[in-house]
Structures are given as structure tokens and as C-alpha cells.
Amino acid sequence: MNLIVGLGNIGTQYSETRHNVGFKVVDSILEKFPFRDVSKASFKGELFKINESDLENTLLLKPSTFMNLSGESTIAVTQFFKLDFSTDENRAFIIYDDLDLPFGAIRFKKGGGTGGHNGLKSIQNMDKSLFENAIRVRLGIGKPQHKDHSISDYVLGKFSDEEQKCLDIWYEKSRDAVLKMIKGKNWERVASLNSAKNIAKICKS
């Protein structure tokens, strides 16, 4: 089984914010393939199953707990489906915003700390199998340019008009990289071919 977790906050007021890029990549996958909604109240999130032969064992989760409690949703899903990510039988992907990378960057890693990301902290505390073994898709959002802007206000703020010009391309490239990893065995090779340093590397306009 493959489990793709996109991190974000529910509600229209958050839908276009920097903190919701994980949700946006999941949405991009759902736009590409037919799917079934397999959500349950106990999952504390929206869960979808892809109806596609190459991806028939793929679940996509958008936690509805708000970012800081994301682990409550992931543990509910992994326990229900009895998913052990320490074996090759199951694979997990976590897609989230990363302040430590320039805007538009796409990076992949496995293992390591949380980097101060509250969504990852929650998963680390609640769902260690997922946290320790997931391939992380880090989407760079950069840092606030003005020191008087708080991190909270920044991540919960919307992208600038200039940044919005290439968001769809960014989401699609991230989506396609995850799909290639699911279909192939060597995720590190896919990662090396699909990483990006910043938005200029994937958007020429």
C-alpha cells in the first residue's frame, strides 16, 4: 500500500496559503485520476483511494485536524489499514511546506528531524513508523523578507501575485515526481532527476 499525506489546514481561509502546499499537491493528483472517497469520521481527515490500475493500492490523506495535530489523522489511518512502513510492502510520502528552502524548491529526503515543522512534529509524536520511514517531499516557501513579519503570519499568508504565476507548474512537477516514485523502485534516482533549487528552475515565464 502507498500512503500519500499532504499537510495543510482545512477551511477556505487557509486554502491558498503557503502552509497548504501539501494539500495542493494531493489535489493535483486527484485531478489527474479517478478516485473514491473512503473517508471515515475516525480518520480525522479526507481519505481517497485512486481507481487506476498502476496506482490501485494508493491512498491520499488530507488531515482535517489542522496542521499542529496532523499525527492524529495519520495514526488513525495507518492503524486502521495496519500499515507498517518499516517493510518494503508499504510506502509513505509526506508533502509539506519548508521554510528552509527557497520558494519553488523541490527536495526529497528520508529520515532526519522535523526542522521545526509542527505538522511533522505531530506525526513524529503520534506515528513513528510513518515519520521515520516516509519519503518527504519538501516544497520550499522561503522565509519572510522583513524581520517584523512573524513566521506564523508568513506561512498562513498567501503567495504574492508574482509567485502565483507558476504555482500550478510547481504542484504538477511535485505530483509527477511522487507518482514516478510510486511506480518505480529507486526513489533516490527519481529524486535526483526531479529536484529543483527554486522556482526559476521549473518555470521559465
N, C-alpha and C. Protein backbone atom coordinates (compact mmCIF):
# COMPACT_ATOMS: atom_id res chain seq x y z
N MET A 1 0.84 -1.19 0.00
CA MET A 1 0.00 0.00 0.00
C MET A 1 0.88 1.25 0.00
N ASN A 2 0.47 2.24 -0.76
CA ASN A 2 1.14 3.53 -0.75
C ASN A 2 0.22 4.53 -0.05
N LEU A 3 0.77 5.33 0.85
CA LEU A 3 0.01 6.37 1.52
C LEU A 3 0.69 7.71 1.27
N ILE A 4 -0.04 8.61 0.63
CA ILE A 4 0.46 9.96 0.37
C ILE A 4 -0.26 10.91 1.31
N VAL A 5 0.49 11.60 2.14
CA VAL A 5 -0.08 12.54 3.10
C VAL A 5 0.30 13.96 2.70
N GLY A 6 -0.68 14.78 2.42
CA GLY A 6 -0.43 16.19 2.16
C GLY A 6 -0.81 16.98 3.39
N LEU A 7 0.11 17.82 3.88
CA LEU A 7 -0.16 18.57 5.10
C LEU A 7 -0.73 19.95 4.79
N GLY A 8 -1.64 20.41 5.65
CA GLY A 8 -2.25 21.72 5.45
C GLY A 8 -3.31 21.97 6.51
N ASN A 9 -4.03 23.05 6.33
CA ASN A 9 -5.12 23.43 7.23
C ASN A 9 -6.44 23.45 6.47
N ILE A 10 -7.49 22.97 7.08
CA ILE A 10 -8.79 22.98 6.44
C ILE A 10 -9.42 24.37 6.54
N GLY A 11 -10.36 24.64 5.64
CA GLY A 11 -11.07 25.91 5.66
C GLY A 11 -10.66 26.80 4.49
N THR A 12 -11.63 27.50 3.94
CA THR A 12 -11.37 28.35 2.77
C THR A 12 -10.38 29.46 3.08
N GLN A 13 -10.33 29.91 4.33
CA GLN A 13 -9.41 30.99 4.67
C GLN A 13 -7.95 30.58 4.60
N TYR A 14 -7.70 29.26 4.60
CA TYR A 14 -6.33 28.75 4.54
C TYR A 14 -5.98 28.13 3.19
N SER A 15 -6.94 27.95 2.32
CA SER A 15 -6.75 27.11 1.14
C SER A 15 -5.62 27.59 0.22
N GLU A 16 -5.39 28.88 0.14
CA GLU A 16 -4.37 29.40 -0.78
C GLU A 16 -3.11 29.86 -0.06
N THR A 17 -2.94 29.46 1.18
CA THR A 17 -1.78 29.92 1.94
C THR A 17 -0.56 29.04 1.71
N ARG A 18 0.59 29.56 2.10
CA ARG A 18 1.85 28.82 1.92
C ARG A 18 1.84 27.51 2.69
N HIS A 19 1.17 27.48 3.82
CA HIS A 19 1.15 26.29 4.67
C HIS A 19 0.35 25.15 4.03
N ASN A 20 -0.36 25.42 2.95
CA ASN A 20 -1.25 24.41 2.37
C ASN A 20 -0.73 23.79 1.08
N VAL A 21 0.54 23.93 0.79
CA VAL A 21 1.05 23.37 -0.46
C VAL A 21 0.93 21.85 -0.50
N GLY A 22 1.00 21.19 0.67
CA GLY A 22 0.82 19.74 0.70
C GLY A 22 -0.56 19.34 0.23
N PHE A 23 -1.58 20.07 0.68
CA PHE A 23 -2.95 19.84 0.21
C PHE A 23 -3.04 20.03 -1.30
N LYS A 24 -2.36 21.07 -1.79
CA LYS A 24 -2.46 21.41 -3.21
C LYS A 24 -1.89 20.31 -4.11
N VAL A 25 -0.82 19.67 -3.68
CA VAL A 25 -0.24 18.58 -4.49
C VAL A 25 -1.17 17.37 -4.47
N VAL A 26 -1.76 17.08 -3.33
CA VAL A 26 -2.75 15.99 -3.27
C VAL A 26 -3.92 16.30 -4.20
N ASP A 27 -4.39 17.54 -4.18
CA ASP A 27 -5.48 17.94 -5.08
C ASP A 27 -5.09 17.74 -6.54
N SER A 28 -3.83 18.03 -6.85
CA SER A 28 -3.35 17.88 -8.22
C SER A 28 -3.38 16.41 -8.66
N ILE A 29 -3.06 15.51 -7.74
CA ILE A 29 -3.13 14.07 -8.04
C ILE A 29 -4.59 13.66 -8.27
N LEU A 30 -5.47 14.15 -7.41
CA LEU A 30 -6.89 13.79 -7.52
C LEU A 30 -7.51 14.32 -8.81
N GLU A 31 -6.98 15.42 -9.32
CA GLU A 31 -7.48 15.97 -10.59
C GLU A 31 -7.05 15.11 -11.77
N LYS A 32 -5.99 14.34 -11.59
CA LYS A 32 -5.41 13.58 -12.69
C LYS A 32 -6.01 12.19 -12.84
N PHE A 33 -6.53 11.62 -11.74
CA PHE A 33 -7.01 10.24 -11.76
C PHE A 33 -8.41 10.12 -11.16
N PRO A 34 -9.17 9.10 -11.59
CA PRO A 34 -10.44 8.81 -10.91
C PRO A 34 -10.15 8.28 -9.51
N PHE A 35 -11.04 8.56 -8.57
CA PHE A 35 -10.79 8.15 -7.19
C PHE A 35 -12.10 7.91 -6.46
N ARG A 36 -12.00 7.24 -5.31
CA ARG A 36 -13.13 7.04 -4.42
C ARG A 36 -12.83 7.72 -3.09
N ASP A 37 -13.83 8.35 -2.53
CA ASP A 37 -13.70 8.92 -1.19
C ASP A 37 -13.96 7.81 -0.18
N VAL A 38 -12.95 7.46 0.60
CA VAL A 38 -13.08 6.37 1.58
C VAL A 38 -12.93 6.92 3.00
N SER A 39 -13.28 8.18 3.17
CA SER A 39 -13.14 8.84 4.47
C SER A 39 -14.07 8.22 5.51
N LYS A 40 -13.61 8.25 6.75
CA LYS A 40 -14.42 7.90 7.91
C LYS A 40 -14.19 8.97 8.96
N ALA A 41 -15.17 9.19 9.80
CA ALA A 41 -15.03 10.20 10.85
C ALA A 41 -13.82 9.92 11.73
N SER A 42 -13.55 8.63 11.95
CA SER A 42 -12.44 8.25 12.82
C SER A 42 -11.08 8.60 12.23
N PHE A 43 -11.02 8.82 10.91
CA PHE A 43 -9.75 9.15 10.28
C PHE A 43 -9.33 10.60 10.53
N LYS A 44 -10.27 11.43 10.93
CA LYS A 44 -9.98 12.85 11.20
C LYS A 44 -9.32 13.51 9.99
N GLY A 45 -9.81 13.15 8.83
CA GLY A 45 -9.27 13.72 7.61
C GLY A 45 -10.00 13.18 6.40
N GLU A 46 -9.69 13.72 5.24
CA GLU A 46 -10.25 13.24 3.98
C GLU A 46 -9.31 12.19 3.40
N LEU A 47 -9.83 11.00 3.13
CA LEU A 47 -9.02 9.91 2.60
C LEU A 47 -9.60 9.46 1.27
N PHE A 48 -8.73 9.32 0.28
CA PHE A 48 -9.16 8.95 -1.06
C PHE A 48 -8.34 7.77 -1.56
N LYS A 49 -8.98 6.91 -2.37
CA LYS A 49 -8.30 5.77 -2.98
C LYS A 49 -8.36 5.93 -4.49
N ILE A 50 -7.18 5.83 -5.12
CA ILE A 50 -7.09 6.01 -6.57
C ILE A 50 -7.66 4.80 -7.29
N ASN A 51 -8.51 5.05 -8.30
CA ASN A 51 -9.04 3.98 -9.15
C ASN A 51 -8.28 3.95 -10.47
N GLU A 52 -7.08 3.46 -10.42
CA GLU A 52 -6.21 3.41 -11.59
C GLU A 52 -5.34 2.18 -11.44
N SER A 53 -5.20 1.38 -12.50
CA SER A 53 -4.51 0.09 -12.38
C SER A 53 -3.09 0.22 -11.83
N ASP A 54 -2.36 1.24 -12.29
CA ASP A 54 -0.98 1.40 -11.83
C ASP A 54 -0.90 1.92 -10.40
N LEU A 55 -2.00 2.47 -9.89
CA LEU A 55 -1.99 3.12 -8.58
C LEU A 55 -3.12 2.61 -7.69
N GLU A 56 -3.56 1.37 -7.94
CA GLU A 56 -4.76 0.87 -7.26
C GLU A 56 -4.56 0.69 -5.76
N ASN A 57 -3.35 0.61 -5.31
CA ASN A 57 -3.08 0.47 -3.88
C ASN A 57 -2.55 1.77 -3.28
N THR A 58 -3.09 2.88 -3.77
CA THR A 58 -2.61 4.19 -3.32
C THR A 58 -3.71 4.97 -2.62
N LEU A 59 -3.42 5.40 -1.41
CA LEU A 59 -4.32 6.22 -0.61
C LEU A 59 -3.74 7.63 -0.50
N LEU A 60 -4.63 8.63 -0.49
CA LEU A 60 -4.21 10.01 -0.31
C LEU A 60 -4.96 10.60 0.86
N LEU A 61 -4.21 11.21 1.79
CA LEU A 61 -4.81 11.73 3.02
C LEU A 61 -4.56 13.23 3.16
N LYS A 62 -5.65 13.94 3.48
CA LYS A 62 -5.57 15.36 3.84
C LYS A 62 -6.14 15.48 5.26
N PRO A 63 -5.27 15.54 6.27
CA PRO A 63 -5.76 15.62 7.65
C PRO A 63 -6.66 16.85 7.86
N SER A 64 -7.72 16.66 8.64
CA SER A 64 -8.66 17.74 8.93
C SER A 64 -8.49 18.26 10.35
N THR A 65 -7.37 17.95 10.96
CA THR A 65 -7.13 18.28 12.37
C THR A 65 -6.48 19.64 12.55
N PHE A 66 -6.18 20.31 11.46
CA PHE A 66 -5.29 21.47 11.43
C PHE A 66 -3.86 20.96 11.59
N MET A 67 -2.93 21.77 11.09
CA MET A 67 -1.55 21.34 10.92
C MET A 67 -0.93 20.74 12.19
N ASN A 68 -1.11 21.42 13.31
CA ASN A 68 -0.38 21.02 14.52
C ASN A 68 -0.81 19.68 15.11
N LEU A 69 -1.89 19.11 14.59
CA LEU A 69 -2.38 17.82 15.10
C LEU A 69 -2.44 16.78 13.98
N SER A 70 -1.65 16.96 12.95
CA SER A 70 -1.69 16.06 11.79
C SER A 70 -1.48 14.60 12.15
N GLY A 71 -0.68 14.35 13.17
CA GLY A 71 -0.39 12.98 13.56
C GLY A 71 -1.61 12.21 14.03
N GLU A 72 -2.62 12.92 14.56
CA GLU A 72 -3.83 12.24 14.99
C GLU A 72 -4.55 11.59 13.81
N SER A 73 -4.49 12.25 12.67
CA SER A 73 -5.14 11.71 11.47
C SER A 73 -4.31 10.58 10.86
N THR A 74 -3.00 10.77 10.76
CA THR A 74 -2.17 9.73 10.12
C THR A 74 -2.18 8.45 10.93
N ILE A 75 -2.13 8.53 12.25
CA ILE A 75 -2.11 7.31 13.06
C ILE A 75 -3.45 6.58 12.97
N ALA A 76 -4.54 7.32 12.84
CA ALA A 76 -5.84 6.68 12.70
C ALA A 76 -5.92 5.87 11.41
N VAL A 77 -5.35 6.43 10.34
CA VAL A 77 -5.37 5.73 9.04
C VAL A 77 -4.41 4.55 9.04
N THR A 78 -3.21 4.74 9.53
CA THR A 78 -2.22 3.66 9.47
C THR A 78 -2.63 2.49 10.38
N GLN A 79 -3.26 2.79 11.49
CA GLN A 79 -3.72 1.70 12.37
C GLN A 79 -4.90 0.96 11.77
N PHE A 80 -5.81 1.70 11.13
CA PHE A 80 -6.99 1.07 10.53
C PHE A 80 -6.57 0.10 9.42
N PHE A 81 -5.62 0.52 8.59
CA PHE A 81 -5.18 -0.32 7.47
C PHE A 81 -4.00 -1.21 7.84
N LYS A 82 -3.57 -1.13 9.11
CA LYS A 82 -2.46 -1.96 9.61
C LYS A 82 -1.21 -1.78 8.74
N LEU A 83 -0.84 -0.54 8.53
CA LEU A 83 0.30 -0.21 7.67
C LEU A 83 1.59 -0.11 8.48
N ASP A 84 2.53 -0.96 8.16
CA ASP A 84 3.86 -0.93 8.78
C ASP A 84 4.85 -0.46 7.72
N PHE A 85 5.38 0.74 7.89
CA PHE A 85 6.24 1.32 6.86
C PHE A 85 7.72 0.94 7.02
N SER A 86 8.00 0.09 7.99
CA SER A 86 9.39 -0.37 8.15
C SER A 86 9.70 -1.51 7.19
N THR A 87 8.70 -1.98 6.44
CA THR A 87 8.90 -3.04 5.45
C THR A 87 8.71 -2.46 4.05
N ASP A 88 9.15 -3.20 3.05
CA ASP A 88 9.02 -2.75 1.66
C ASP A 88 7.59 -2.91 1.14
N GLU A 89 6.75 -3.56 1.92
CA GLU A 89 5.38 -3.82 1.47
C GLU A 89 4.56 -2.54 1.39
N ASN A 90 4.87 -1.58 2.25
CA ASN A 90 4.15 -0.31 2.28
C ASN A 90 5.12 0.86 2.14
N ARG A 91 4.66 1.93 1.48
CA ARG A 91 5.49 3.12 1.33
C ARG A 91 4.66 4.35 1.67
N ALA A 92 5.31 5.33 2.28
CA ALA A 92 4.62 6.55 2.68
C ALA A 92 5.35 7.77 2.13
N PHE A 93 4.58 8.81 1.84
CA PHE A 93 5.11 10.08 1.36
C PHE A 93 4.43 11.19 2.15
N ILE A 94 5.21 12.15 2.62
CA ILE A 94 4.66 13.31 3.31
C ILE A 94 5.04 14.55 2.51
N ILE A 95 4.05 15.32 2.12
CA ILE A 95 4.28 16.52 1.30
C ILE A 95 3.97 17.75 2.14
N TYR A 96 4.92 18.67 2.23
CA TYR A 96 4.73 19.81 3.14
C TYR A 96 5.59 21.01 2.73
N ASP A 97 5.26 22.15 3.30
CA ASP A 97 5.98 23.40 3.06
C ASP A 97 7.25 23.43 3.90
N ASP A 98 8.31 24.03 3.34
CA ASP A 98 9.59 24.07 4.04
C ASP A 98 10.16 25.48 4.00
N LEU A 99 10.27 26.11 5.16
CA LEU A 99 10.81 27.46 5.27
C LEU A 99 12.30 27.54 4.94
N ASP A 100 13.00 26.44 5.09
CA ASP A 100 14.44 26.45 4.92
C ASP A 100 14.89 26.32 3.46
N LEU A 101 13.94 26.20 2.55
CA LEU A 101 14.26 26.11 1.13
C LEU A 101 13.71 27.33 0.39
N PRO A 102 14.39 27.77 -0.66
CA PRO A 102 13.90 28.92 -1.44
C PRO A 102 12.55 28.61 -2.07
N PHE A 103 11.78 29.65 -2.33
CA PHE A 103 10.48 29.46 -2.95
C PHE A 103 10.61 28.69 -4.27
N GLY A 104 9.77 27.67 -4.41
CA GLY A 104 9.75 26.87 -5.63
C GLY A 104 10.69 25.68 -5.62
N ALA A 105 11.50 25.54 -4.58
CA ALA A 105 12.40 24.39 -4.49
C ALA A 105 11.60 23.12 -4.25
N ILE A 106 12.12 22.02 -4.78
CA ILE A 106 11.55 20.69 -4.52
C ILE A 106 12.69 19.79 -4.08
N ARG A 107 12.59 19.27 -2.90
CA ARG A 107 13.63 18.41 -2.36
C ARG A 107 12.99 17.16 -1.75
N PHE A 108 13.74 16.08 -1.73
CA PHE A 108 13.25 14.81 -1.21
C PHE A 108 14.24 14.28 -0.18
N LYS A 109 13.73 13.70 0.88
CA LYS A 109 14.62 13.11 1.88
C LYS A 109 13.88 12.02 2.64
N LYS A 110 14.65 11.20 3.31
CA LYS A 110 14.09 10.14 4.16
C LYS A 110 14.83 10.19 5.49
N GLY A 111 14.08 10.27 6.57
CA GLY A 111 14.70 10.33 7.88
C GLY A 111 15.09 11.75 8.26
N GLY A 112 15.68 11.88 9.45
CA GLY A 112 16.08 13.19 9.94
C GLY A 112 15.05 13.78 10.88
N GLY A 113 15.28 15.03 11.28
CA GLY A 113 14.41 15.69 12.23
C GLY A 113 13.23 16.36 11.57
N THR A 114 12.55 17.19 12.35
CA THR A 114 11.34 17.85 11.87
C THR A 114 11.62 19.21 11.25
N GLY A 115 12.79 19.77 11.51
CA GLY A 115 13.09 21.10 11.00
C GLY A 115 12.19 22.16 11.61
N GLY A 116 11.58 21.87 12.74
CA GLY A 116 10.69 22.81 13.39
C GLY A 116 9.29 22.86 12.82
N HIS A 117 8.98 21.96 11.87
CA HIS A 117 7.66 21.96 11.25
C HIS A 117 6.66 21.28 12.19
N ASN A 118 5.61 22.01 12.56
CA ASN A 118 4.67 21.49 13.56
C ASN A 118 3.88 20.27 13.07
N GLY A 119 3.60 20.21 11.78
CA GLY A 119 2.92 19.04 11.25
C GLY A 119 3.77 17.79 11.38
N LEU A 120 5.05 17.93 11.06
CA LEU A 120 5.97 16.80 11.20
C LEU A 120 6.17 16.42 12.67
N LYS A 121 6.22 17.43 13.54
CA LYS A 121 6.36 17.14 14.97
C LYS A 121 5.21 16.28 15.47
N SER A 122 4.01 16.61 15.03
CA SER A 122 2.84 15.85 15.45
C SER A 122 2.91 14.41 14.95
N ILE A 123 3.33 14.23 13.70
CA ILE A 123 3.46 12.88 13.16
C ILE A 123 4.56 12.11 13.90
N GLN A 124 5.65 12.79 14.19
CA GLN A 124 6.74 12.15 14.93
C GLN A 124 6.25 11.66 16.29
N ASN A 125 5.43 12.45 16.96
CA ASN A 125 4.94 12.09 18.30
C ASN A 125 3.88 10.99 18.27
N MET A 126 3.08 10.96 17.20
CA MET A 126 1.93 10.07 17.15
C MET A 126 2.15 8.82 16.29
N ASP A 127 2.97 8.93 15.26
CA ASP A 127 3.03 7.88 14.24
C ASP A 127 4.48 7.66 13.81
N LYS A 128 5.26 7.03 14.66
CA LYS A 128 6.70 6.92 14.44
C LYS A 128 7.07 6.11 13.20
N SER A 129 6.30 5.05 12.92
CA SER A 129 6.58 4.23 11.74
C SER A 129 6.49 5.06 10.47
N LEU A 130 5.46 5.88 10.39
CA LEU A 130 5.30 6.75 9.22
C LEU A 130 6.40 7.81 9.20
N PHE A 131 6.63 8.47 10.32
CA PHE A 131 7.60 9.56 10.38
C PHE A 131 9.01 9.09 9.99
N GLU A 132 9.43 7.96 10.52
CA GLU A 132 10.81 7.50 10.33
C GLU A 132 11.06 6.93 8.94
N ASN A 133 10.03 6.44 8.28
CA ASN A 133 10.23 5.73 7.02
C ASN A 133 9.67 6.43 5.78
N ALA A 134 8.94 7.51 5.98
CA ALA A 134 8.34 8.19 4.84
C ALA A 134 9.37 8.93 4.00
N ILE A 135 9.11 8.98 2.71
CA ILE A 135 9.86 9.86 1.82
C ILE A 135 9.21 11.23 1.93
N ARG A 136 9.98 12.23 2.28
CA ARG A 136 9.43 13.56 2.48
C ARG A 136 9.62 14.41 1.22
N VAL A 137 8.56 15.02 0.82
CA VAL A 137 8.58 15.92 -0.33
C VAL A 137 8.54 17.34 0.23
N ARG A 138 9.70 18.00 0.20
CA ARG A 138 9.85 19.32 0.82
C ARG A 138 9.67 20.40 -0.24
N LEU A 139 8.66 21.22 -0.08
CA LEU A 139 8.38 22.28 -1.03
C LEU A 139 8.77 23.62 -0.41
N GLY A 140 9.77 24.25 -0.98
CA GLY A 140 10.31 25.47 -0.41
C GLY A 140 9.38 26.66 -0.54
N ILE A 141 9.17 27.35 0.56
CA ILE A 141 8.36 28.57 0.53
C ILE A 141 9.19 29.79 0.91
N GLY A 142 10.48 29.59 1.19
CA GLY A 142 11.32 30.70 1.58
C GLY A 142 10.96 31.23 2.96
N LYS A 143 11.62 32.31 3.36
CA LYS A 143 11.35 32.93 4.65
C LYS A 143 10.89 34.37 4.45
N PRO A 144 10.20 34.93 5.46
CA PRO A 144 9.75 36.32 5.32
C PRO A 144 10.93 37.25 5.11
N GLN A 145 10.77 38.19 4.19
CA GLN A 145 11.87 39.12 3.86
C GLN A 145 12.01 40.22 4.90
N HIS A 146 10.96 40.48 5.63
CA HIS A 146 11.00 41.54 6.64
C HIS A 146 11.02 40.92 8.04
N LYS A 147 11.95 41.36 8.85
CA LYS A 147 12.12 40.79 10.18
C LYS A 147 10.91 41.00 11.08
N ASP A 148 10.10 42.01 10.78
CA ASP A 148 8.94 42.27 11.63
C ASP A 148 7.76 41.36 11.30
N HIS A 149 7.91 40.51 10.27
CA HIS A 149 6.86 39.56 9.91
C HIS A 149 7.09 38.25 10.68
N SER A 150 6.11 37.80 11.43
CA SER A 150 6.26 36.56 12.19
C SER A 150 6.19 35.37 11.24
N ILE A 151 6.80 34.27 11.67
CA ILE A 151 6.76 33.04 10.88
C ILE A 151 5.32 32.58 10.71
N SER A 152 4.53 32.68 11.78
CA SER A 152 3.14 32.24 11.71
C SER A 152 2.36 33.03 10.66
N ASP A 153 2.51 34.35 10.69
CA ASP A 153 1.81 35.18 9.71
C ASP A 153 2.28 34.86 8.29
N TYR A 154 3.55 34.55 8.17
CA TYR A 154 4.11 34.28 6.84
C TYR A 154 3.55 32.98 6.27
N VAL A 155 3.61 31.89 7.02
CA VAL A 155 3.16 30.60 6.48
C VAL A 155 1.65 30.59 6.28
N LEU A 156 0.94 31.39 7.07
CA LEU A 156 -0.52 31.46 6.91
C LEU A 156 -0.94 32.59 5.96
N GLY A 157 0.05 33.20 5.32
CA GLY A 157 -0.22 34.22 4.32
C GLY A 157 -0.28 33.62 2.93
N LYS A 158 -0.81 34.38 1.99
CA LYS A 158 -0.94 33.90 0.62
C LYS A 158 0.30 34.25 -0.19
N PHE A 159 0.51 33.50 -1.25
CA PHE A 159 1.62 33.79 -2.16
C PHE A 159 1.37 35.13 -2.85
N SER A 160 2.46 35.79 -3.20
CA SER A 160 2.35 37.07 -3.90
C SER A 160 1.82 36.84 -5.32
N ASP A 161 1.38 37.91 -5.96
CA ASP A 161 0.89 37.80 -7.34
C ASP A 161 1.96 37.23 -8.25
N GLU A 162 3.21 37.63 -8.05
CA GLU A 162 4.31 37.13 -8.87
C GLU A 162 4.52 35.64 -8.64
N GLU A 163 4.48 35.21 -7.39
CA GLU A 163 4.68 33.80 -7.05
C GLU A 163 3.56 32.92 -7.60
N GLN A 164 2.36 33.45 -7.63
CA GLN A 164 1.21 32.66 -8.08
C GLN A 164 1.28 32.27 -9.56
N LYS A 165 2.09 32.96 -10.33
CA LYS A 165 2.17 32.70 -11.77
C LYS A 165 2.63 31.27 -12.09
N CYS A 166 3.42 30.70 -11.21
CA CYS A 166 4.00 29.39 -11.50
C CYS A 166 3.59 28.30 -10.50
N LEU A 167 2.62 28.59 -9.66
CA LEU A 167 2.24 27.62 -8.64
C LEU A 167 1.76 26.31 -9.23
N ASP A 168 0.91 26.36 -10.26
CA ASP A 168 0.37 25.13 -10.84
C ASP A 168 1.48 24.25 -11.41
N ILE A 169 2.46 24.86 -12.06
CA ILE A 169 3.58 24.10 -12.61
C ILE A 169 4.36 23.44 -11.48
N TRP A 170 4.56 24.16 -10.42
CA TRP A 170 5.27 23.64 -9.24
C TRP A 170 4.54 22.45 -8.64
N TYR A 171 3.25 22.59 -8.45
CA TYR A 171 2.46 21.49 -7.89
C TYR A 171 2.49 20.27 -8.81
N GLU A 172 2.37 20.50 -10.11
CA GLU A 172 2.35 19.40 -11.06
C GLU A 172 3.69 18.66 -11.11
N LYS A 173 4.79 19.40 -11.04
CA LYS A 173 6.10 18.75 -11.04
C LYS A 173 6.28 17.91 -9.78
N SER A 174 5.84 18.43 -8.66
CA SER A 174 5.91 17.68 -7.40
C SER A 174 5.04 16.44 -7.46
N ARG A 175 3.84 16.60 -7.99
CA ARG A 175 2.91 15.48 -8.17
C ARG A 175 3.53 14.39 -9.03
N ASP A 176 4.07 14.77 -10.17
CA ASP A 176 4.62 13.79 -11.10
C ASP A 176 5.81 13.05 -10.51
N ALA A 177 6.60 13.74 -9.70
CA ALA A 177 7.74 13.09 -9.06
C ALA A 177 7.27 12.00 -8.09
N VAL A 178 6.25 12.31 -7.30
CA VAL A 178 5.72 11.32 -6.35
C VAL A 178 5.16 10.12 -7.10
N LEU A 179 4.45 10.36 -8.19
CA LEU A 179 3.88 9.26 -8.97
C LEU A 179 4.97 8.38 -9.56
N LYS A 180 6.06 8.99 -10.02
CA LYS A 180 7.18 8.21 -10.55
C LYS A 180 7.82 7.35 -9.45
N MET A 181 7.89 7.89 -8.25
CA MET A 181 8.45 7.12 -7.13
C MET A 181 7.58 5.92 -6.80
N ILE A 182 6.27 6.12 -6.87
CA ILE A 182 5.35 5.01 -6.58
C ILE A 182 5.50 3.90 -7.62
N LYS A 183 5.64 4.29 -8.86
CA LYS A 183 5.69 3.31 -9.95
C LYS A 183 7.06 2.66 -10.10
N GLY A 184 8.09 3.31 -9.58
CA GLY A 184 9.45 2.77 -9.68
C GLY A 184 9.97 2.33 -8.33
N LYS A 185 11.10 1.66 -8.33
CA LYS A 185 11.66 1.15 -7.09
C LYS A 185 12.76 2.05 -6.53
N ASN A 186 13.45 2.75 -7.41
CA ASN A 186 14.59 3.57 -6.97
C ASN A 186 14.16 5.01 -6.77
N TRP A 187 13.64 5.33 -5.60
CA TRP A 187 13.13 6.67 -5.34
C TRP A 187 14.25 7.71 -5.35
N GLU A 188 15.45 7.30 -4.96
CA GLU A 188 16.56 8.25 -4.90
C GLU A 188 16.95 8.73 -6.30
N ARG A 189 16.86 7.85 -7.28
CA ARG A 189 17.16 8.27 -8.66
C ARG A 189 16.07 9.23 -9.15
N VAL A 190 14.82 8.91 -8.87
CA VAL A 190 13.73 9.82 -9.24
C VAL A 190 13.92 11.17 -8.57
N ALA A 191 14.32 11.15 -7.31
CA ALA A 191 14.54 12.39 -6.57
C ALA A 191 15.63 13.23 -7.21
N SER A 192 16.71 12.59 -7.62
CA SER A 192 17.82 13.34 -8.21
C SER A 192 17.43 13.98 -9.53
N LEU A 193 16.51 13.34 -10.26
CA LEU A 193 16.11 13.85 -11.56
C LEU A 193 14.97 14.86 -11.48
N ASN A 194 14.32 14.94 -10.33
CA ASN A 194 13.13 15.79 -10.22
C ASN A 194 13.24 16.87 -9.14
N SER A 195 14.42 17.02 -8.56
CA SER A 195 14.62 18.09 -7.60
C SER A 195 14.73 19.43 -8.33
N ALA A 196 14.46 20.50 -7.62
CA ALA A 196 14.60 21.84 -8.17
C ALA A 196 15.12 22.78 -7.09
N LYS A 197 16.03 23.68 -7.46
CA LYS A 197 16.61 24.59 -6.49
C LYS A 197 15.69 25.75 -6.13
N ASN A 198 14.90 26.18 -7.09
CA ASN A 198 13.99 27.31 -6.86
C ASN A 198 12.99 27.34 -8.01
N ILE A 199 12.09 28.30 -7.94
CA ILE A 199 11.01 28.35 -8.94
C ILE A 199 11.54 28.63 -10.34
N ALA A 200 12.66 29.33 -10.45
CA ALA A 200 13.21 29.65 -11.77
C ALA A 200 13.64 28.40 -12.52
N LYS A 201 13.93 27.33 -11.79
CA LYS A 201 14.39 26.09 -12.42
C LYS A 201 13.23 25.31 -13.04
N ILE A 202 12.01 25.63 -12.68
CA ILE A 202 10.89 24.86 -13.24
C ILE A 202 9.89 25.74 -13.99
N CYS A 203 10.06 27.05 -13.88
CA CYS A 203 9.13 27.97 -14.53
C CYS A 203 9.91 29.02 -15.30
N LYS A 204 9.80 28.99 -16.61
CA LYS A 204 10.61 29.88 -17.46
C LYS A 204 9.91 31.18 -17.80
N SER A 205 8.63 31.30 -17.43
CA SER A 205 7.89 32.50 -17.82
C SER A 205 8.23 33.69 -16.93
